[in-house]
Amino acid sequence: MDLIFPIVHEEKLRQLISVRTGEQKKYSLVTVLLNHYLDDGFISMVRYYTTRDKEPKNKDEAIQIVADFVYNVFKVIPHNAKSAKM
């Protein structure tokens, strides 16, 4: 994540890259969330937020967070990738 951080301009994505998670705080939160999304889609990310040990969210809160992440942060990634190629 340290390699891509300098080229990421979207603030929410930068924050998710900066937040470390796991027992040893060695994984970026964006990596964990992307893994859950790729494993089983939207509902998998909702499950992550509702079942995590630290500050679990209720389903409504989790759905709001995940919807914002998927539809506002993930959609920025292809846009930036296209811009970088031009």
N, C-alpha and C. Protein backbone atom coordinates (compact mmCIF):
# COMPACT_ATOMS: atom_id res chain seq x y z
N MET A 1 0.82 -1.19 0.00
CA MET A 1 0.00 0.00 0.00
C MET A 1 0.87 1.26 0.00
N ASP A 2 2.04 1.15 0.59
CA ASP A 2 2.93 2.31 0.61
C ASP A 2 3.33 2.73 -0.80
N LEU A 3 3.32 1.79 -1.73
CA LEU A 3 3.69 2.11 -3.10
C LEU A 3 2.62 2.93 -3.82
N ILE A 4 1.35 2.64 -3.56
CA ILE A 4 0.30 3.35 -4.29
C ILE A 4 -0.18 4.61 -3.58
N PHE A 5 0.14 4.75 -2.29
CA PHE A 5 -0.36 5.89 -1.52
C PHE A 5 -0.04 7.24 -2.17
N PRO A 6 1.17 7.45 -2.68
CA PRO A 6 1.49 8.76 -3.28
C PRO A 6 0.66 9.12 -4.51
N ILE A 7 0.12 8.13 -5.22
CA ILE A 7 -0.65 8.44 -6.43
C ILE A 7 -2.16 8.46 -6.20
N VAL A 8 -2.59 8.16 -4.98
CA VAL A 8 -4.02 8.17 -4.66
C VAL A 8 -4.41 9.57 -4.21
N HIS A 9 -5.40 10.15 -4.90
CA HIS A 9 -5.81 11.52 -4.58
C HIS A 9 -7.18 11.59 -3.90
N GLU A 10 -7.96 10.54 -3.98
CA GLU A 10 -9.27 10.49 -3.33
C GLU A 10 -9.08 10.37 -1.82
N GLU A 11 -9.60 11.34 -1.06
CA GLU A 11 -9.37 11.41 0.38
C GLU A 11 -9.89 10.19 1.14
N LYS A 12 -11.09 9.73 0.82
CA LYS A 12 -11.64 8.55 1.52
C LYS A 12 -10.77 7.33 1.29
N LEU A 13 -10.29 7.16 0.08
CA LEU A 13 -9.44 6.02 -0.23
C LEU A 13 -8.10 6.14 0.51
N ARG A 14 -7.56 7.34 0.59
CA ARG A 14 -6.32 7.57 1.33
C ARG A 14 -6.49 7.19 2.80
N GLN A 15 -7.63 7.56 3.37
CA GLN A 15 -7.90 7.23 4.77
C GLN A 15 -7.97 5.72 4.96
N LEU A 16 -8.65 5.03 4.06
CA LEU A 16 -8.77 3.57 4.17
C LEU A 16 -7.42 2.87 3.99
N ILE A 17 -6.55 3.44 3.20
CA ILE A 17 -5.21 2.89 3.03
C ILE A 17 -4.40 3.10 4.31
N SER A 18 -4.58 4.24 4.95
CA SER A 18 -3.81 4.59 6.15
C SER A 18 -4.20 3.78 7.38
N VAL A 19 -5.47 3.41 7.49
CA VAL A 19 -5.93 2.67 8.67
C VAL A 19 -5.41 1.24 8.59
N ARG A 20 -4.72 0.82 9.63
CA ARG A 20 -4.17 -0.54 9.70
C ARG A 20 -5.06 -1.39 10.60
N THR A 21 -5.20 -2.66 10.25
CA THR A 21 -6.06 -3.56 11.00
C THR A 21 -5.37 -4.91 11.18
N GLY A 22 -5.97 -5.75 11.96
CA GLY A 22 -5.39 -7.05 12.27
C GLY A 22 -4.68 -7.02 13.61
N GLU A 23 -4.31 -8.18 14.09
CA GLU A 23 -3.68 -8.27 15.40
C GLU A 23 -2.40 -7.47 15.48
N GLN A 24 -1.62 -7.47 14.44
CA GLN A 24 -0.34 -6.77 14.44
C GLN A 24 -0.41 -5.45 13.67
N LYS A 25 -1.61 -5.05 13.29
CA LYS A 25 -1.82 -3.80 12.54
C LYS A 25 -0.95 -3.73 11.29
N LYS A 26 -0.87 -4.86 10.58
CA LYS A 26 -0.02 -4.85 9.39
C LYS A 26 -0.80 -4.80 8.09
N TYR A 27 -2.14 -4.91 8.14
CA TYR A 27 -2.94 -4.88 6.92
C TYR A 27 -3.69 -3.57 6.81
N SER A 28 -3.72 -3.03 5.62
CA SER A 28 -4.50 -1.83 5.36
C SER A 28 -5.98 -2.21 5.36
N LEU A 29 -6.82 -1.36 5.91
CA LEU A 29 -8.25 -1.63 5.96
C LEU A 29 -8.82 -1.80 4.55
N VAL A 30 -8.31 -1.07 3.58
CA VAL A 30 -8.81 -1.19 2.22
C VAL A 30 -8.55 -2.60 1.67
N THR A 31 -7.46 -3.22 2.06
CA THR A 31 -7.16 -4.58 1.63
C THR A 31 -8.17 -5.57 2.21
N VAL A 32 -8.48 -5.41 3.48
CA VAL A 32 -9.45 -6.29 4.14
C VAL A 32 -10.83 -6.13 3.51
N LEU A 33 -11.25 -4.89 3.31
CA LEU A 33 -12.58 -4.64 2.74
C LEU A 33 -12.67 -5.14 1.30
N LEU A 34 -11.64 -4.91 0.53
CA LEU A 34 -11.63 -5.39 -0.86
C LEU A 34 -11.68 -6.92 -0.90
N ASN A 35 -10.96 -7.57 0.00
CA ASN A 35 -11.02 -9.03 0.08
C ASN A 35 -12.44 -9.51 0.38
N HIS A 36 -13.10 -8.89 1.34
CA HIS A 36 -14.47 -9.28 1.66
C HIS A 36 -15.40 -9.04 0.47
N TYR A 37 -15.22 -7.91 -0.22
CA TYR A 37 -16.06 -7.59 -1.37
C TYR A 37 -15.88 -8.61 -2.49
N LEU A 38 -14.64 -8.98 -2.75
CA LEU A 38 -14.37 -9.95 -3.81
C LEU A 38 -14.81 -11.36 -3.43
N ASP A 39 -14.73 -11.68 -2.14
CA ASP A 39 -15.16 -13.01 -1.68
C ASP A 39 -16.64 -13.26 -1.89
N ASP A 40 -17.47 -12.33 -1.43
CA ASP A 40 -18.90 -12.59 -1.46
C ASP A 40 -19.72 -11.32 -1.67
N GLY A 41 -19.10 -10.29 -2.22
CA GLY A 41 -19.83 -9.08 -2.59
C GLY A 41 -20.21 -8.17 -1.43
N PHE A 42 -21.21 -7.38 -1.70
CA PHE A 42 -21.71 -6.35 -0.79
C PHE A 42 -22.03 -6.92 0.59
N ILE A 43 -22.74 -8.04 0.63
CA ILE A 43 -23.18 -8.62 1.91
C ILE A 43 -22.00 -9.07 2.76
N SER A 44 -20.92 -9.49 2.13
CA SER A 44 -19.74 -9.91 2.87
C SER A 44 -19.12 -8.73 3.61
N MET A 45 -19.11 -7.57 2.98
CA MET A 45 -18.59 -6.37 3.66
C MET A 45 -19.51 -5.96 4.80
N VAL A 46 -20.81 -6.09 4.61
CA VAL A 46 -21.77 -5.78 5.69
C VAL A 46 -21.50 -6.71 6.87
N ARG A 47 -21.30 -8.00 6.60
CA ARG A 47 -21.00 -8.96 7.67
C ARG A 47 -19.72 -8.58 8.40
N TYR A 48 -18.71 -8.11 7.66
CA TYR A 48 -17.46 -7.69 8.29
C TYR A 48 -17.73 -6.61 9.33
N TYR A 49 -18.49 -5.59 8.95
CA TYR A 49 -18.75 -4.48 9.87
C TYR A 49 -19.65 -4.88 11.04
N THR A 50 -20.54 -5.83 10.85
CA THR A 50 -21.46 -6.20 11.94
C THR A 50 -20.86 -7.25 12.88
N THR A 51 -19.81 -7.93 12.47
CA THR A 51 -19.25 -8.99 13.31
C THR A 51 -17.84 -8.70 13.81
N ARG A 52 -17.26 -7.58 13.45
CA ARG A 52 -15.89 -7.32 13.90
C ARG A 52 -15.86 -7.12 15.42
N ASP A 53 -14.72 -7.41 16.01
CA ASP A 53 -14.57 -7.34 17.46
C ASP A 53 -14.61 -5.91 17.98
N LYS A 54 -13.94 -5.02 17.27
CA LYS A 54 -13.85 -3.63 17.73
C LYS A 54 -14.97 -2.80 17.11
N GLU A 55 -15.82 -2.25 17.92
CA GLU A 55 -16.92 -1.37 17.51
C GLU A 55 -17.78 -1.96 16.39
N PRO A 56 -18.43 -3.09 16.63
CA PRO A 56 -19.32 -3.62 15.58
C PRO A 56 -20.48 -2.67 15.32
N LYS A 57 -20.94 -2.64 14.09
CA LYS A 57 -22.04 -1.77 13.68
C LYS A 57 -23.33 -2.57 13.60
N ASN A 58 -24.48 -1.87 13.74
CA ASN A 58 -25.74 -2.57 13.48
C ASN A 58 -25.89 -2.66 11.96
N LYS A 59 -26.86 -3.43 11.48
CA LYS A 59 -26.99 -3.66 10.04
C LYS A 59 -27.22 -2.38 9.25
N ASP A 60 -28.05 -1.47 9.77
CA ASP A 60 -28.30 -0.22 9.06
C ASP A 60 -27.03 0.61 8.90
N GLU A 61 -26.26 0.72 9.98
CA GLU A 61 -25.00 1.47 9.92
C GLU A 61 -24.03 0.81 8.95
N ALA A 62 -23.93 -0.50 9.03
CA ALA A 62 -23.02 -1.24 8.16
C ALA A 62 -23.39 -1.06 6.69
N ILE A 63 -24.67 -1.13 6.39
CA ILE A 63 -25.12 -0.96 5.00
C ILE A 63 -24.79 0.44 4.50
N GLN A 64 -24.96 1.45 5.33
CA GLN A 64 -24.62 2.82 4.92
C GLN A 64 -23.14 2.96 4.63
N ILE A 65 -22.31 2.41 5.52
CA ILE A 65 -20.86 2.50 5.34
C ILE A 65 -20.43 1.77 4.07
N VAL A 66 -20.93 0.56 3.89
CA VAL A 66 -20.55 -0.25 2.73
C VAL A 66 -21.03 0.38 1.43
N ALA A 67 -22.25 0.88 1.42
CA ALA A 67 -22.78 1.52 0.21
C ALA A 67 -21.91 2.71 -0.18
N ASP A 68 -21.54 3.53 0.79
CA ASP A 68 -20.69 4.68 0.51
C ASP A 68 -19.34 4.21 -0.03
N PHE A 69 -18.78 3.20 0.60
CA PHE A 69 -17.49 2.69 0.17
C PHE A 69 -17.54 2.14 -1.25
N VAL A 70 -18.49 1.26 -1.52
CA VAL A 70 -18.58 0.60 -2.82
C VAL A 70 -18.91 1.59 -3.93
N TYR A 71 -19.89 2.43 -3.72
CA TYR A 71 -20.37 3.29 -4.79
C TYR A 71 -19.61 4.60 -4.93
N ASN A 72 -18.89 5.01 -3.90
CA ASN A 72 -18.15 6.27 -3.99
C ASN A 72 -16.65 6.10 -4.01
N VAL A 73 -16.13 5.11 -3.32
CA VAL A 73 -14.68 4.92 -3.27
C VAL A 73 -14.22 3.95 -4.35
N PHE A 74 -14.84 2.77 -4.45
CA PHE A 74 -14.43 1.81 -5.47
C PHE A 74 -14.59 2.36 -6.88
N LYS A 75 -15.62 3.14 -7.12
CA LYS A 75 -15.82 3.65 -8.48
C LYS A 75 -14.75 4.65 -8.88
N VAL A 76 -14.03 5.21 -7.92
CA VAL A 76 -12.96 6.16 -8.21
C VAL A 76 -11.74 5.45 -8.77
N ILE A 77 -11.53 4.22 -8.35
CA ILE A 77 -10.33 3.49 -8.76
C ILE A 77 -10.23 3.34 -10.28
N PRO A 78 -11.26 2.84 -10.99
CA PRO A 78 -11.14 2.74 -12.44
C PRO A 78 -11.00 4.11 -13.11
N HIS A 79 -11.68 5.11 -12.57
CA HIS A 79 -11.59 6.45 -13.15
C HIS A 79 -10.16 6.95 -13.08
N ASN A 80 -9.51 6.81 -11.95
CA ASN A 80 -8.12 7.24 -11.81
C ASN A 80 -7.20 6.40 -12.68
N ALA A 81 -7.48 5.12 -12.79
CA ALA A 81 -6.65 4.26 -13.63
C ALA A 81 -6.73 4.70 -15.09
N LYS A 82 -7.92 5.05 -15.56
CA LYS A 82 -8.07 5.53 -16.93
C LYS A 82 -7.34 6.85 -17.12
N SER A 83 -7.43 7.73 -16.14
CA SER A 83 -6.77 9.03 -16.23
C SER A 83 -5.26 8.86 -16.30
N ALA A 84 -4.73 7.89 -15.55
CA ALA A 84 -3.29 7.68 -15.52
C ALA A 84 -2.77 7.19 -16.86
N LYS A 85 -3.60 6.45 -17.62
CA LYS A 85 -3.17 5.91 -18.92
C LYS A 85 -3.15 6.97 -20.01
N MET A 86 -3.94 7.99 -19.87
CA MET A 86 -4.06 8.99 -20.94
C MET A 86 -2.87 9.89 -21.01
